[in-house]
Amino acid sequence: MDYYIENWGIDIAKNETFINNTIRQVIRYSHASILRKARNEVAKANGAKCNVQRVLVNWLGTHAFYAIFSKRPQRYDTCSLLQDLESKLSLPKGKGIQRRFRKLVKESAEVMAALGL
């Protein structure tokens, strides 16, 4: 999404609500897509079960957007987008999730660094 925002050339501060809403929709769609794929014919035939909680997908998605956007502070510091994402991550219910996914977050940060992001 960062790439699209950069190439689109929009004023991030003026379109902050739109970007925030788009982030939420992308995360919601990801959760719905996971559930839909777990319920398709092949998954059912193989006895697949999927119990991915929405709150976990929301936290992971929010963290992913924050991780990417925070690498470009010169672009996103003109608005409260980073602060909004950070505040959602720091909610009390997110603390347990953060501990639960500490290793995954660390590994993904290492991969991003290796990719030069």
C-alpha atoms as a PDB file:
ATOM      1  CA  MET A   1       0.000   0.000   0.000  1.00  0.00           C
ATOM      2  CA  ASP A   2       2.917   2.311   0.707  1.00  0.00           C
ATOM      3  CA  TYR A   3       4.019   1.896  -2.903  1.00  0.00           C
ATOM      4  CA  TYR A   4       0.560   2.851  -4.178  1.00  0.00           C
ATOM      5  CA  ILE A   5       0.398   5.887  -1.915  1.00  0.00           C
ATOM      6  CA  GLU A   6       3.828   7.015  -3.093  1.00  0.00           C
ATOM      7  CA  ASN A   7       3.035   6.607  -6.790  1.00  0.00           C
ATOM      8  CA  TRP A   8      -0.451   8.009  -6.446  1.00  0.00           C
ATOM      9  CA  GLY A   9       1.062  11.217  -5.146  1.00  0.00           C
ATOM     10  CA  ILE A  10      -1.871  12.068  -2.880  1.00  0.00           C
ATOM     11  CA  ASP A  11      -1.685  14.384   0.103  1.00  0.00           C
ATOM     12  CA  ILE A  12      -1.590  11.883   2.950  1.00  0.00           C
ATOM     13  CA  ALA A  13      -2.724  14.368   5.587  1.00  0.00           C
ATOM     14  CA  LYS A  14      -5.806  15.331   3.558  1.00  0.00           C
ATOM     15  CA  ASN A  15      -6.650  11.690   2.792  1.00  0.00           C
ATOM     16  CA  GLU A  16      -5.831  10.209   6.191  1.00  0.00           C
ATOM     17  CA  THR A  17      -9.394   9.030   6.858  1.00  0.00           C
ATOM     18  CA  PHE A  18      -9.536   7.337   3.463  1.00  0.00           C
ATOM     19  CA  ILE A  19      -6.188   5.591   4.082  1.00  0.00           C
ATOM     20  CA  ASN A  20      -7.237   4.496   7.579  1.00  0.00           C
ATOM     21  CA  ASN A  21     -10.516   3.097   6.238  1.00  0.00           C
ATOM     22  CA  THR A  22      -8.666   1.291   3.454  1.00  0.00           C
ATOM     23  CA  ILE A  23      -6.288  -0.291   5.966  1.00  0.00           C
ATOM     24  CA  ARG A  24      -9.250  -1.554   8.024  1.00  0.00           C
ATOM     25  CA  GLN A  25     -10.958  -2.934   4.897  1.00  0.00           C
ATOM     26  CA  VAL A  26      -7.789  -4.731   3.760  1.00  0.00           C
ATOM     27  CA  ILE A  27      -7.416  -6.364   7.170  1.00  0.00           C
ATOM     28  CA  ARG A  28     -11.110  -7.341   7.304  1.00  0.00           C
ATOM     29  CA  TYR A  29     -10.901  -8.780   3.795  1.00  0.00           C
ATOM     30  CA  SER A  30      -7.816 -10.797   4.766  1.00  0.00           C
ATOM     31  CA  HIS A  31      -9.658 -12.372   7.680  1.00  0.00           C
ATOM     32  CA  ALA A  32     -12.709 -13.141   5.539  1.00  0.00           C
ATOM     33  CA  SER A  33     -10.488 -14.636   2.836  1.00  0.00           C
ATOM     34  CA  ILE A  34      -8.749 -16.924   5.331  1.00  0.00           C
ATOM     35  CA  LEU A  35     -12.096 -18.201   6.602  1.00  0.00           C
ATOM     36  CA  ARG A  36     -13.522 -18.618   3.099  1.00  0.00           C
ATOM     37  CA  LYS A  37     -10.531 -20.663   1.932  1.00  0.00           C
ATOM     38  CA  ALA A  38     -10.764 -22.874   5.003  1.00  0.00           C
ATOM     39  CA  ARG A  39     -14.377 -23.648   4.151  1.00  0.00           C
ATOM     40  CA  ASN A  40     -13.981 -24.493   0.474  1.00  0.00           C
ATOM     41  CA  GLU A  41     -14.581 -27.976  -0.970  1.00  0.00           C
ATOM     42  CA  VAL A  42     -10.953 -29.109  -0.876  1.00  0.00           C
ATOM     43  CA  ALA A  43     -10.468 -27.929   2.687  1.00  0.00           C
ATOM     44  CA  LYS A  44     -13.658 -29.658   3.814  1.00  0.00           C
ATOM     45  CA  ALA A  45     -12.719 -32.867   2.006  1.00  0.00           C
ATOM     46  CA  ASN A  46      -9.398 -32.914   3.857  1.00  0.00           C
ATOM     47  CA  GLY A  47     -10.927 -32.130   7.232  1.00  0.00           C
ATOM     48  CA  ALA A  48      -9.378 -28.675   7.505  1.00  0.00           C
ATOM     49  CA  LYS A  49     -10.385 -26.551  10.436  1.00  0.00           C
ATOM     50  CA  CYS A  50      -9.693 -22.877  10.832  1.00  0.00           C
ATOM     51  CA  ASN A  51     -10.268 -20.971  14.012  1.00  0.00           C
ATOM     52  CA  VAL A  52      -8.446 -17.726  13.262  1.00  0.00           C
ATOM     53  CA  GLN A  53      -9.766 -15.051  15.560  1.00  0.00           C
ATOM     54  CA  ARG A  54     -10.537 -11.669  14.064  1.00  0.00           C
ATOM     55  CA  VAL A  55      -8.733  -9.872  16.890  1.00  0.00           C
ATOM     56  CA  LEU A  56      -5.488 -11.683  16.013  1.00  0.00           C
ATOM     57  CA  VAL A  57      -5.747 -10.855  12.320  1.00  0.00           C
ATOM     58  CA  ASN A  58      -6.565  -7.234  13.207  1.00  0.00           C
ATOM     59  CA  TRP A  59      -3.493  -6.942  15.416  1.00  0.00           C
ATOM     60  CA  LEU A  60      -1.156  -8.647  12.936  1.00  0.00           C
ATOM     61  CA  GLY A  61      -2.482  -6.578  10.045  1.00  0.00           C
ATOM     62  CA  THR A  62      -2.208  -3.346  11.995  1.00  0.00           C
ATOM     63  CA  HIS A  63       1.319  -4.265  13.005  1.00  0.00           C
ATOM     64  CA  ALA A  64       2.252  -5.018   9.402  1.00  0.00           C
ATOM     65  CA  PHE A  65       0.994  -1.638   8.199  1.00  0.00           C
ATOM     66  CA  TYR A  66       2.725   0.110  11.087  1.00  0.00           C
ATOM     67  CA  ALA A  67       6.004  -1.719  10.392  1.00  0.00           C
ATOM     68  CA  ILE A  68       6.021  -0.598   6.753  1.00  0.00           C
ATOM     69  CA  PHE A  69       4.739   2.941   7.255  1.00  0.00           C
ATOM     70  CA  SER A  70       7.113   3.622  10.156  1.00  0.00           C
ATOM     71  CA  LYS A  71      10.043   2.948   7.819  1.00  0.00           C
ATOM     72  CA  ARG A  72       9.007   6.094   5.913  1.00  0.00           C
ATOM     73  CA  PRO A  73       8.566   8.729   8.637  1.00  0.00           C
ATOM     74  CA  GLN A  74       9.224  11.591   6.226  1.00  0.00           C
ATOM     75  CA  ARG A  75       6.080  10.569   4.344  1.00  0.00           C
ATOM     76  CA  TYR A  76       3.756   9.722   7.243  1.00  0.00           C
ATOM     77  CA  ASP A  77       4.809  12.143   9.996  1.00  0.00           C
ATOM     78  CA  THR A  78       2.716  14.907   8.423  1.00  0.00           C
ATOM     79  CA  CYS A  79      -0.433  13.246   9.722  1.00  0.00           C
ATOM     80  CA  SER A  80      -1.556  11.133  12.654  1.00  0.00           C
ATOM     81  CA  LEU A  81      -1.675   7.861  10.684  1.00  0.00           C
ATOM     82  CA  LEU A  82       1.353   6.337  12.438  1.00  0.00           C
ATOM     83  CA  GLN A  83       0.100   7.487  15.831  1.00  0.00           C
ATOM     84  CA  ASP A  84      -3.331   5.959  15.144  1.00  0.00           C
ATOM     85  CA  LEU A  85      -1.799   2.617  14.195  1.00  0.00           C
ATOM     86  CA  GLU A  86       0.539   2.703  17.183  1.00  0.00           C
ATOM     87  CA  SER A  87      -2.311   3.492  19.569  1.00  0.00           C
ATOM     88  CA  LYS A  88      -4.328   0.542  18.227  1.00  0.00           C
ATOM     89  CA  LEU A  89      -1.337  -1.726  18.818  1.00  0.00           C
ATOM     90  CA  SER A  90      -0.856  -0.475  22.363  1.00  0.00           C
ATOM     91  CA  LEU A  91      -4.410  -1.130  23.549  1.00  0.00           C
ATOM     92  CA  PRO A  92      -4.543  -3.401  26.627  1.00  0.00           C
ATOM     93  CA  LYS A  93      -6.009  -6.331  24.663  1.00  0.00           C
ATOM     94  CA  GLY A  94      -3.056  -6.086  22.286  1.00  0.00           C
ATOM     95  CA  LYS A  95      -0.430  -6.652  24.967  1.00  0.00           C
ATOM     96  CA  GLY A  96      -1.135 -10.386  25.192  1.00  0.00           C
ATOM     97  CA  ILE A  97      -1.216 -10.657  21.425  1.00  0.00           C
ATOM     98  CA  GLN A  98       2.101  -8.825  21.214  1.00  0.00           C
ATOM     99  CA  ARG A  99       3.699 -11.298  23.634  1.00  0.00           C
ATOM    100  CA  ARG A 100       2.160 -14.212  21.753  1.00  0.00           C
ATOM    101  CA  PHE A 101       3.597 -13.096  18.401  1.00  0.00           C
ATOM    102  CA  ARG A 102       6.899 -11.636  19.629  1.00  0.00           C
ATOM    103  CA  LYS A 103       8.965 -14.241  17.746  1.00  0.00           C
ATOM    104  CA  LEU A 104       6.961 -13.811  14.523  1.00  0.00           C
ATOM    105  CA  VAL A 105       7.337 -10.023  14.696  1.00  0.00           C
ATOM    106  CA  LYS A 106      11.086 -10.357  15.253  1.00  0.00           C
ATOM    107  CA  GLU A 107      11.491 -12.771  12.334  1.00  0.00           C
ATOM    108  CA  SER A 108       9.437 -10.569  10.006  1.00  0.00           C
ATOM    109  CA  ALA A 109      11.545  -7.533  10.984  1.00  0.00           C
ATOM    110  CA  GLU A 110      14.674  -9.498  10.074  1.00  0.00           C
ATOM    111  CA  VAL A 111      13.187 -10.445   6.692  1.00  0.00           C
ATOM    112  CA  MET A 112      12.206  -6.819   6.024  1.00  0.00           C
ATOM    113  CA  ALA A 113      15.733  -5.702   6.885  1.00  0.00           C
ATOM    114  CA  ALA A 114      17.206  -8.328   4.554  1.00  0.00           C
ATOM    115  CA  LEU A 115      14.922  -7.063   1.782  1.00  0.00           C
ATOM    116  CA  GLY A 116      16.028  -3.505   2.425  1.00  0.00           C
ATOM    117  CA  LEU A 117      12.666  -2.326   3.695  1.00  0.00           C
END
